[in-house]
Amino acid sequence: MNKARLEWVMSGLKQYALTTAEDQFLKTVLGDFDKNHALTERQEDRLETFYKEKSQSIPNKKYDRFSVMKSTPKKVKPQRPRAKAI
C-alpha cells in the first residue's frame, strides 16, 4: 500500500464514528507506516476490510443528506384568472 492510498482510506474513515479499538488500530497502522514506509499484508487486508465495512454504513456527518426532502415546501400564491381579450 502506498502513502496516497493510505491517506485516502484514512480520510474516508474519519467521517465515521470509531470505537476506541478501531481508533487505536488506525493509530498503530499510521505509526507503522511512518516507521517502516510499508504495512504488513495482514494490516493491509484488515484495513481494507475495515474500510469496506464502514463504507457500507451511514457516515456520521453533521448534516442530514435527506434534510432537503424533509423541509416544508414554499408557499405558492394562486394565480389570478386572466381576462379574455375580445
PDB file of N, CA and C in Angstrom:
ATOM      1  N   MET A   1       0.861  -1.163   0.000  1.00  0.00           N
ATOM      2  CA  MET A   1       0.000   0.000   0.000  1.00  0.00           C
ATOM      3  C   MET A   1       0.910   1.230   0.000  1.00  0.00           C
ATOM      4  N   ASN A   2       0.587   2.159  -0.867  1.00  0.00           N
ATOM      5  CA  ASN A   2       1.399   3.375  -0.920  1.00  0.00           C
ATOM      6  C   ASN A   2       0.807   4.465  -0.026  1.00  0.00           C
ATOM      7  N   LYS A   3       1.543   5.546   0.130  1.00  0.00           N
ATOM      8  CA  LYS A   3       1.161   6.641   1.030  1.00  0.00           C
ATOM      9  C   LYS A   3      -0.157   7.285   0.601  1.00  0.00           C
ATOM     10  N   ALA A   4      -0.338   7.494  -0.716  1.00  0.00           N
ATOM     11  CA  ALA A   4      -1.561   8.133  -1.213  1.00  0.00           C
ATOM     12  C   ALA A   4      -2.797   7.287  -0.904  1.00  0.00           C
ATOM     13  N   ARG A   5      -2.688   5.977  -1.108  1.00  0.00           N
ATOM     14  CA  ARG A   5      -3.815   5.079  -0.827  1.00  0.00           C
ATOM     15  C   ARG A   5      -4.138   5.065   0.659  1.00  0.00           C
ATOM     16  N   LEU A   6      -3.121   5.038   1.498  1.00  0.00           N
ATOM     17  CA  LEU A   6      -3.324   5.034   2.941  1.00  0.00           C
ATOM     18  C   LEU A   6      -4.017   6.322   3.387  1.00  0.00           C
ATOM     19  N   GLU A   7      -3.578   7.452   2.870  1.00  0.00           N
ATOM     20  CA  GLU A   7      -4.203   8.731   3.232  1.00  0.00           C
ATOM     21  C   GLU A   7      -5.649   8.778   2.769  1.00  0.00           C
ATOM     22  N   TRP A   8      -5.935   8.220   1.592  1.00  0.00           N
ATOM     23  CA  TRP A   8      -7.296   8.223   1.067  1.00  0.00           C
ATOM     24  C   TRP A   8      -8.208   7.372   1.950  1.00  0.00           C
ATOM     25  N   VAL A   9      -7.727   6.197   2.351  1.00  0.00           N
ATOM     26  CA  VAL A   9      -8.517   5.315   3.225  1.00  0.00           C
ATOM     27  C   VAL A   9      -8.743   5.989   4.573  1.00  0.00           C
ATOM     28  N   MET A  10      -7.701   6.602   5.124  1.00  0.00           N
ATOM     29  CA  MET A  10      -7.828   7.258   6.430  1.00  0.00           C
ATOM     30  C   MET A  10      -8.806   8.432   6.364  1.00  0.00           C
ATOM     31  N   SER A  11      -8.758   9.202   5.289  1.00  0.00           N
ATOM     32  CA  SER A  11      -9.686  10.329   5.166  1.00  0.00           C
ATOM     33  C   SER A  11     -11.122   9.838   5.045  1.00  0.00           C
ATOM     34  N   GLY A  12     -11.314   8.699   4.395  1.00  0.00           N
ATOM     35  CA  GLY A  12     -12.651   8.121   4.292  1.00  0.00           C
ATOM     36  C   GLY A  12     -13.165   7.623   5.627  1.00  0.00           C
ATOM     37  N   LEU A  13     -12.265   7.096   6.459  1.00  0.00           N
ATOM     38  CA  LEU A  13     -12.679   6.565   7.760  1.00  0.00           C
ATOM     39  C   LEU A  13     -12.949   7.668   8.775  1.00  0.00           C
ATOM     40  N   LYS A  14     -12.447   8.864   8.549  1.00  0.00           N
ATOM     41  CA  LYS A  14     -12.634   9.955   9.508  1.00  0.00           C
ATOM     42  C   LYS A  14     -14.090  10.393   9.619  1.00  0.00           C
ATOM     43  N   GLN A  15     -14.907  10.086   8.624  1.00  0.00           N
ATOM     44  CA  GLN A  15     -16.298  10.520   8.658  1.00  0.00           C
ATOM     45  C   GLN A  15     -17.210   9.571   9.439  1.00  0.00           C
ATOM     46  N   TYR A  16     -16.647   8.512   9.977  1.00  0.00           N
ATOM     47  CA  TYR A  16     -17.415   7.534  10.745  1.00  0.00           C
ATOM     48  C   TYR A  16     -17.037   7.587  12.224  1.00  0.00           C
ATOM     49  N   ALA A  17     -17.976   7.232  13.065  1.00  0.00           N
ATOM     50  CA  ALA A  17     -17.693   7.127  14.496  1.00  0.00           C
ATOM     51  C   ALA A  17     -16.936   5.826  14.721  1.00  0.00           C
ATOM     52  N   LEU A  18     -15.776   5.922  15.341  1.00  0.00           N
ATOM     53  CA  LEU A  18     -14.932   4.759  15.558  1.00  0.00           C
ATOM     54  C   LEU A  18     -14.906   4.385  17.034  1.00  0.00           C
ATOM     55  N   THR A  19     -14.808   3.097  17.302  1.00  0.00           N
ATOM     56  CA  THR A  19     -14.649   2.652  18.681  1.00  0.00           C
ATOM     57  C   THR A  19     -13.203   2.915  19.091  1.00  0.00           C
ATOM     58  N   THR A  20     -12.919   2.772  20.364  1.00  0.00           N
ATOM     59  CA  THR A  20     -11.553   3.012  20.833  1.00  0.00           C
ATOM     60  C   THR A  20     -10.584   1.990  20.251  1.00  0.00           C
ATOM     61  N   ALA A  21     -11.026   0.748  20.081  1.00  0.00           N
ATOM     62  CA  ALA A  21     -10.166  -0.282  19.497  1.00  0.00           C
ATOM     63  C   ALA A  21      -9.863   0.032  18.028  1.00  0.00           C
ATOM     64  N   GLU A  22     -10.884   0.471  17.296  1.00  0.00           N
ATOM     65  CA  GLU A  22     -10.680   0.831  15.890  1.00  0.00           C
ATOM     66  C   GLU A  22      -9.757   2.032  15.759  1.00  0.00           C
ATOM     67  N   ASP A  23      -9.954   3.006  16.630  1.00  0.00           N
ATOM     68  CA  ASP A  23      -9.107   4.195  16.617  1.00  0.00           C
ATOM     69  C   ASP A  23      -7.657   3.834  16.941  1.00  0.00           C
ATOM     70  N   GLN A  24      -7.476   2.958  17.902  1.00  0.00           N
ATOM     71  CA  GLN A  24      -6.128   2.513  18.270  1.00  0.00           C
ATOM     72  C   GLN A  24      -5.470   1.758  17.117  1.00  0.00           C
ATOM     73  N   PHE A  25      -6.236   0.931  16.424  1.00  0.00           N
ATOM     74  CA  PHE A  25      -5.701   0.206  15.272  1.00  0.00           C
ATOM     75  C   PHE A  25      -5.225   1.174  14.192  1.00  0.00           C
ATOM     76  N   LEU A  26      -6.014   2.205  13.916  1.00  0.00           N
ATOM     77  CA  LEU A  26      -5.624   3.178  12.896  1.00  0.00           C
ATOM     78  C   LEU A  26      -4.358   3.935  13.300  1.00  0.00           C
ATOM     79  N   LYS A  27      -4.250   4.282  14.584  1.00  0.00           N
ATOM     80  CA  LYS A  27      -3.034   4.958  15.056  1.00  0.00           C
ATOM     81  C   LYS A  27      -1.817   4.044  14.922  1.00  0.00           C
ATOM     82  N   THR A  28      -1.997   2.766  15.219  1.00  0.00           N
ATOM     83  CA  THR A  28      -0.908   1.800  15.090  1.00  0.00           C
ATOM     84  C   THR A  28      -0.482   1.652  13.627  1.00  0.00           C
ATOM     85  N   VAL A  29      -1.466   1.577  12.740  1.00  0.00           N
ATOM     86  CA  VAL A  29      -1.169   1.446  11.311  1.00  0.00           C
ATOM     87  C   VAL A  29      -0.397   2.661  10.817  1.00  0.00           C
ATOM     88  N   LEU A  30      -0.844   3.852  11.207  1.00  0.00           N
ATOM     89  CA  LEU A  30      -0.135   5.072  10.786  1.00  0.00           C
ATOM     90  C   LEU A  30       1.287   5.099  11.342  1.00  0.00           C
ATOM     91  N   GLY A  31       1.445   4.712  12.590  1.00  0.00           N
ATOM     92  CA  GLY A  31       2.775   4.683  13.200  1.00  0.00           C
ATOM     93  C   GLY A  31       3.701   3.696  12.506  1.00  0.00           C
ATOM     94  N   ASP A  32       3.162   2.522  12.196  1.00  0.00           N
ATOM     95  CA  ASP A  32       3.965   1.512  11.495  1.00  0.00           C
ATOM     96  C   ASP A  32       4.350   1.987  10.098  1.00  0.00           C
ATOM     97  N   PHE A  33       3.411   2.640   9.426  1.00  0.00           N
ATOM     98  CA  PHE A  33       3.712   3.108   8.071  1.00  0.00           C
ATOM     99  C   PHE A  33       4.765   4.214   8.101  1.00  0.00           C
ATOM    100  N   ASP A  34       4.648   5.125   9.074  1.00  0.00           N
ATOM    101  CA  ASP A  34       5.642   6.192   9.185  1.00  0.00           C
ATOM    102  C   ASP A  34       7.027   5.635   9.515  1.00  0.00           C
ATOM    103  N   LYS A  35       7.057   4.586  10.319  1.00  0.00           N
ATOM    104  CA  LYS A  35       8.330   4.000  10.739  1.00  0.00           C
ATOM    105  C   LYS A  35       8.973   3.153   9.634  1.00  0.00           C
ATOM    106  N   ASN A  36       8.171   2.282   9.011  1.00  0.00           N
ATOM    107  CA  ASN A  36       8.700   1.318   8.046  1.00  0.00           C
ATOM    108  C   ASN A  36       8.426   1.684   6.583  1.00  0.00           C
ATOM    109  N   HIS A  37       7.589   2.692   6.347  1.00  0.00           N
ATOM    110  CA  HIS A  37       7.167   3.094   4.997  1.00  0.00           C
ATOM    111  C   HIS A  37       6.455   1.955   4.270  1.00  0.00           C
ATOM    112  N   ALA A  38       5.867   1.058   5.044  1.00  0.00           N
ATOM    113  CA  ALA A  38       5.102  -0.055   4.480  1.00  0.00           C
ATOM    114  C   ALA A  38       4.262  -0.686   5.585  1.00  0.00           C
ATOM    115  N   LEU A  39       3.275  -1.443   5.169  1.00  0.00           N
ATOM    116  CA  LEU A  39       2.436  -2.183   6.110  1.00  0.00           C
ATOM    117  C   LEU A  39       2.593  -3.676   5.828  1.00  0.00           C
ATOM    118  N   THR A  40       2.290  -4.482   6.828  1.00  0.00           N
ATOM    119  CA  THR A  40       2.302  -5.921   6.603  1.00  0.00           C
ATOM    120  C   THR A  40       1.054  -6.291   5.796  1.00  0.00           C
ATOM    121  N   GLU A  41       1.069  -7.460   5.182  1.00  0.00           N
ATOM    122  CA  GLU A  41      -0.090  -7.890   4.402  1.00  0.00           C
ATOM    123  C   GLU A  41      -1.329  -8.011   5.283  1.00  0.00           C
ATOM    124  N   ARG A  42      -1.132  -8.477   6.503  1.00  0.00           N
ATOM    125  CA  ARG A  42      -2.261  -8.624   7.419  1.00  0.00           C
ATOM    126  C   ARG A  42      -2.861  -7.265   7.768  1.00  0.00           C
ATOM    127  N   GLN A  43      -2.006  -6.268   8.009  1.00  0.00           N
ATOM    128  CA  GLN A  43      -2.508  -4.923   8.305  1.00  0.00           C
ATOM    129  C   GLN A  43      -3.252  -4.351   7.102  1.00  0.00           C
ATOM    130  N   GLU A  44      -2.712  -4.542   5.904  1.00  0.00           N
ATOM    131  CA  GLU A  44      -3.375  -4.047   4.697  1.00  0.00           C
ATOM    132  C   GLU A  44      -4.732  -4.702   4.509  1.00  0.00           C
ATOM    133  N   ASP A  45      -4.787  -6.003   4.660  1.00  0.00           N
ATOM    134  CA  ASP A  45      -6.056  -6.727   4.499  1.00  0.00           C
ATOM    135  C   ASP A  45      -7.074  -6.272   5.537  1.00  0.00           C
ATOM    136  N   ARG A  46      -6.624  -6.141   6.774  1.00  0.00           N
ATOM    137  CA  ARG A  46      -7.534  -5.731   7.845  1.00  0.00           C
ATOM    138  C   ARG A  46      -8.028  -4.298   7.625  1.00  0.00           C
ATOM    139  N   LEU A  47      -7.142  -3.422   7.165  1.00  0.00           N
ATOM    140  CA  LEU A  47      -7.517  -2.040   6.906  1.00  0.00           C
ATOM    141  C   LEU A  47      -8.504  -1.951   5.751  1.00  0.00           C
ATOM    142  N   GLU A  48      -8.267  -2.686   4.678  1.00  0.00           N
ATOM    143  CA  GLU A  48      -9.181  -2.684   3.534  1.00  0.00           C
ATOM    144  C   GLU A  48     -10.550  -3.253   3.922  1.00  0.00           C
ATOM    145  N   THR A  49     -10.560  -4.332   4.693  1.00  0.00           N
ATOM    146  CA  THR A  49     -11.817  -4.921   5.150  1.00  0.00           C
ATOM    147  C   THR A  49     -12.570  -3.958   6.062  1.00  0.00           C
ATOM    148  N   PHE A  50     -11.840  -3.318   6.942  1.00  0.00           N
ATOM    149  CA  PHE A  50     -12.421  -2.342   7.857  1.00  0.00           C
ATOM    150  C   PHE A  50     -13.044  -1.190   7.075  1.00  0.00           C
ATOM    151  N   TYR A  51     -12.341  -0.710   6.060  1.00  0.00           N
ATOM    152  CA  TYR A  51     -12.855   0.389   5.238  1.00  0.00           C
ATOM    153  C   TYR A  51     -14.124  -0.031   4.497  1.00  0.00           C
ATOM    154  N   LYS A  52     -14.136  -1.242   3.945  1.00  0.00           N
ATOM    155  CA  LYS A  52     -15.311  -1.726   3.216  1.00  0.00           C
ATOM    156  C   LYS A  52     -16.520  -1.850   4.137  1.00  0.00           C
ATOM    157  N   GLU A  53     -16.300  -2.347   5.357  1.00  0.00           N
ATOM    158  CA  GLU A  53     -17.404  -2.483   6.315  1.00  0.00           C
ATOM    159  C   GLU A  53     -17.968  -1.121   6.697  1.00  0.00           C
ATOM    160  N   LYS A  54     -17.082  -0.175   6.978  1.00  0.00           N
ATOM    161  CA  LYS A  54     -17.539   1.151   7.389  1.00  0.00           C
ATOM    162  C   LYS A  54     -18.215   1.893   6.242  1.00  0.00           C
ATOM    163  N   SER A  55     -17.746   1.682   5.017  1.00  0.00           N
ATOM    164  CA  SER A  55     -18.326   2.409   3.883  1.00  0.00           C
ATOM    165  C   SER A  55     -19.741   1.938   3.571  1.00  0.00           C
ATOM    166  N   GLN A  56     -20.128   0.773   4.059  1.00  0.00           N
ATOM    167  CA  GLN A  56     -21.493   0.306   3.854  1.00  0.00           C
ATOM    168  C   GLN A  56     -22.461   0.890   4.867  1.00  0.00           C
ATOM    169  N   SER A  57     -21.944   1.453   5.953  1.00  0.00           N
ATOM    170  CA  SER A  57     -22.813   2.077   6.948  1.00  0.00           C
ATOM    171  C   SER A  57     -22.973   3.565   6.626  1.00  0.00           C
ATOM    172  N   ILE A  58     -23.868   4.203   7.338  1.00  0.00           N
ATOM    173  CA  ILE A  58     -24.138   5.621   7.108  1.00  0.00           C
ATOM    174  C   ILE A  58     -23.126   6.447   7.879  1.00  0.00           C
ATOM    175  N   PRO A  59     -22.472   7.413   7.213  1.00  0.00           N
ATOM    176  CA  PRO A  59     -21.484   8.238   7.915  1.00  0.00           C
ATOM    177  C   PRO A  59     -22.146   9.150   8.941  1.00  0.00           C
ATOM    178  N   ASN A  60     -21.390   9.524   9.950  1.00  0.00           N
ATOM    179  CA  ASN A  60     -21.879  10.420  10.999  1.00  0.00           C
ATOM    180  C   ASN A  60     -21.544  11.852  10.637  1.00  0.00           C
ATOM    181  N   LYS A  61     -22.230  12.384   9.661  1.00  0.00           N
ATOM    182  CA  LYS A  61     -21.978  13.761   9.250  1.00  0.00           C
ATOM    183  C   LYS A  61     -22.814  14.695  10.100  1.00  0.00           C
ATOM    184  N   LYS A  62     -22.461  15.967  10.081  1.00  0.00           N
ATOM    185  CA  LYS A  62     -23.171  16.953  10.889  1.00  0.00           C
ATOM    186  C   LYS A  62     -24.511  17.317  10.273  1.00  0.00           C
ATOM    187  N   TYR A  63     -24.707  17.009   9.015  1.00  0.00           N
ATOM    188  CA  TYR A  63     -25.971  17.327   8.376  1.00  0.00           C
ATOM    189  C   TYR A  63     -26.618  16.054   7.874  1.00  0.00           C
ATOM    190  N   ASP A  64     -27.904  16.132   7.682  1.00  0.00           N
ATOM    191  CA  ASP A  64     -28.670  15.005   7.173  1.00  0.00           C
ATOM    192  C   ASP A  64     -28.854  15.207   5.676  1.00  0.00           C
ATOM    193  N   ARG A  65     -28.371  14.269   4.881  1.00  0.00           N
ATOM    194  CA  ARG A  65     -28.451  14.466   3.434  1.00  0.00           C
ATOM    195  C   ARG A  65     -29.880  14.429   2.923  1.00  0.00           C
ATOM    196  N   PHE A  66     -30.825  13.958   3.726  1.00  0.00           N
ATOM    197  CA  PHE A  66     -32.219  13.932   3.326  1.00  0.00           C
ATOM    198  C   PHE A  66     -33.001  15.104   3.914  1.00  0.00           C
ATOM    199  N   SER A  67     -32.310  16.046   4.523  1.00  0.00           N
ATOM    200  CA  SER A  67     -32.991  17.165   5.159  1.00  0.00           C
ATOM    201  C   SER A  67     -33.718  18.026   4.143  1.00  0.00           C
ATOM    202  N   VAL A  68     -33.264  18.057   2.919  1.00  0.00           N
ATOM    203  CA  VAL A  68     -33.928  18.839   1.882  1.00  0.00           C
ATOM    204  C   VAL A  68     -35.308  18.271   1.614  1.00  0.00           C
ATOM    205  N   MET A  69     -35.420  16.946   1.619  1.00  0.00           N
ATOM    206  CA  MET A  69     -36.714  16.318   1.383  1.00  0.00           C
ATOM    207  C   MET A  69     -37.660  16.520   2.564  1.00  0.00           C
ATOM    208  N   LYS A  70     -37.122  16.637   3.763  1.00  0.00           N
ATOM    209  CA  LYS A  70     -37.952  16.779   4.952  1.00  0.00           C
ATOM    210  C   LYS A  70     -38.455  18.206   5.149  1.00  0.00           C
ATOM    211  N   SER A  71     -37.823  19.177   4.502  1.00  0.00           N
ATOM    212  CA  SER A  71     -38.214  20.561   4.716  1.00  0.00           C
ATOM    213  C   SER A  71     -39.588  20.820   4.106  1.00  0.00           C
ATOM    214  N   THR A  72     -40.267  21.809   4.646  1.00  0.00           N
ATOM    215  CA  THR A  72     -41.596  22.138   4.150  1.00  0.00           C
ATOM    216  C   THR A  72     -41.476  22.903   2.842  1.00  0.00           C
ATOM    217  N   PRO A  73     -42.366  22.640   1.917  1.00  0.00           N
ATOM    218  CA  PRO A  73     -42.288  23.357   0.642  1.00  0.00           C
ATOM    219  C   PRO A  73     -42.693  24.821   0.808  1.00  0.00           C
ATOM    220  N   LYS A  74     -42.176  25.659  -0.072  1.00  0.00           N
ATOM    221  CA  LYS A  74     -42.522  27.080  -0.025  1.00  0.00           C
ATOM    222  C   LYS A  74     -43.971  27.263  -0.465  1.00  0.00           C
ATOM    223  N   LYS A  75     -44.618  28.254   0.115  1.00  0.00           N
ATOM    224  CA  LYS A  75     -45.996  28.522  -0.258  1.00  0.00           C
ATOM    225  C   LYS A  75     -46.025  29.204  -1.619  1.00  0.00           C
ATOM    226  N   VAL A  76     -46.968  28.788  -2.409  1.00  0.00           N
ATOM    227  CA  VAL A  76     -47.109  29.341  -3.751  1.00  0.00           C
ATOM    228  C   VAL A  76     -48.407  30.121  -3.807  1.00  0.00           C
ATOM    229  N   LYS A  77     -48.326  31.335  -4.336  1.00  0.00           N
ATOM    230  CA  LYS A  77     -49.538  32.141  -4.471  1.00  0.00           C
ATOM    231  C   LYS A  77     -50.375  31.595  -5.622  1.00  0.00           C
ATOM    232  N   PRO A  78     -51.682  31.517  -5.420  1.00  0.00           N
ATOM    233  CA  PRO A  78     -52.522  31.067  -6.522  1.00  0.00           C
ATOM    234  C   PRO A  78     -52.545  32.117  -7.632  1.00  0.00           C
ATOM    235  N   GLN A  79     -52.607  31.663  -8.851  1.00  0.00           N
ATOM    236  CA  GLN A  79     -52.624  32.591  -9.986  1.00  0.00           C
ATOM    237  C   GLN A  79     -54.028  33.122 -10.185  1.00  0.00           C
ATOM    238  N   ARG A  80     -54.092  34.404 -10.555  1.00  0.00           N
ATOM    239  CA  ARG A  80     -55.377  35.003 -10.836  1.00  0.00           C
ATOM    240  C   ARG A  80     -55.798  34.619 -12.256  1.00  0.00           C
ATOM    241  N   PRO A  81     -57.090  34.422 -12.439  1.00  0.00           N
ATOM    242  CA  PRO A  81     -57.525  34.101 -13.799  1.00  0.00           C
ATOM    243  C   PRO A  81     -57.372  35.320 -14.708  1.00  0.00           C
ATOM    244  N   ARG A  82     -56.948  35.111 -15.906  1.00  0.00           N
ATOM    245  CA  ARG A  82     -56.760  36.213 -16.857  1.00  0.00           C
ATOM    246  C   ARG A  82     -58.083  36.557 -17.523  1.00  0.00           C
ATOM    247  N   ALA A  83     -58.221  37.844 -17.805  1.00  0.00           N
ATOM    248  CA  ALA A  83     -59.411  38.288 -18.534  1.00  0.00           C
ATOM    249  C   ALA A  83     -59.203  37.981 -20.015  1.00  0.00           C
ATOM    250  N   LYS A  84     -60.240  37.521 -20.666  1.00  0.00           N
ATOM    251  CA  LYS A  84     -60.130  37.186 -22.086  1.00  0.00           C
ATOM    252  C   LYS A  84     -60.202  38.458 -22.923  1.00  0.00           C
ATOM    253  N   ALA A  85     -59.309  38.555 -23.872  1.00  0.00           N
ATOM    254  CA  ALA A  85     -59.333  39.717 -24.776  1.00  0.00           C
ATOM    255  C   ALA A  85     -60.276  39.429 -25.941  1.00  0.00           C
ATOM    256  N   ILE A  86     -61.104  40.416 -26.316  1.00  0.00           N
ATOM    257  CA  ILE A  86     -62.066  40.232 -27.405  1.00  0.00           C
ATOM    258  C   ILE A  86     -61.547  40.830 -28.678  1.00  0.00           C
TER     259      ILE A  86
END
